[in-house]
Amino acid sequence: MRIGLRDLRNTAEDAIGATYRGLSAAQWNYLERRRRRGESVLFSDTFARASFIGGWLARDEAELLFEIAGAVPAGHDIVEIGSYLGRSTAFLATGAGPGATVHAVDPHTSGCLQLGSGEGIDTSKQFQRNVAKVGVEDRVEAHITVSVDAARSYQGRPVGLLFVDGNHSEKAVLDDGREWSPHMAPGSFIAFDDISWHGVASGVQRLVAEGVVAPIAGRVGKIGLCGPAERWPARVRAIVRPYEPAGGRARTFLRGFVPFPKAHMTEHGPEGDPVQGP
């Protein structure tokens, strides 16, 4: 059997590729094990109980929400814009201090899970079942409406943490920040999910320019975190990374080669859709 140069080259490329993938996997596993060594027992237990809930929240992002919820002062509540099936809600509610309520705002008409007729699916009952299964239903108050309406009718305590994961258009992010701003306690935390998406990033930039929110001080995964860094728990300081406003060097570079869509399909609809979602 004759082996040509092309065969040798292909074999070598396969071997190098396999080695690279093996090293990359080994490095990722090492870093992941190292990161998890710093997790609290309570968070690890919560993740084991709540990871069945569908959603796009990664483990490190869940830990951020869990830890920053615990830093909310007594007498303040937490507001979550975009709850979907309750994945992020579970970590906020479990991490929050005694007496704190998580106000989970979502119309529960999912735009991602559409029937063939175009009719939205009501996810409110599944949300309630998931929250109850994790055991935090007594710490969660569901507001089945859009964010703006919930803000205008809000009667709760001052908000110590606002997690914005709703409609990803610039207008929706602006409306969320402006409408909830009067309810925010001094020195409160604000977290924005999918911060690299154009609509979210531009909306946050405008909110910062208007003085509605402080600049993003760091990020974990796709969540950008505003608020006084000196009040971050030690674990948050350990996992947070610098924030690059342009969406990161890698994404900026790839834009020259990859046709990223202008509209972002969120769990509850595309960017610009008036439907609220996580």
Foldseek 3Di string as FASTA:
>chain_A
DDQDPVNVVVVVVVVVVVVVVVVVVVVVVVVVVVLCVPDDPLLVVLCVQQVVFDDDQDSQNLSQLLQLLLLQDPQAEEEEFFQAQNSSVSSSQSSHDPPYAYEYEFLQFWQQDADPVRGTDRNVVSSCVSNVSSPRNVRYHYDNDHQLVCLVPPDGTAHQEYEYDKAQALVSLLSNLVSNLVRHDPQHKYKYAQCLQPRNLVNVVVCCVVVSFPDFAWDADRMTMGGDPVSRPPSCVVRTHGDDSNSDPVVVVCVVPDVDDNWDQDRRGIHPDPHIHD
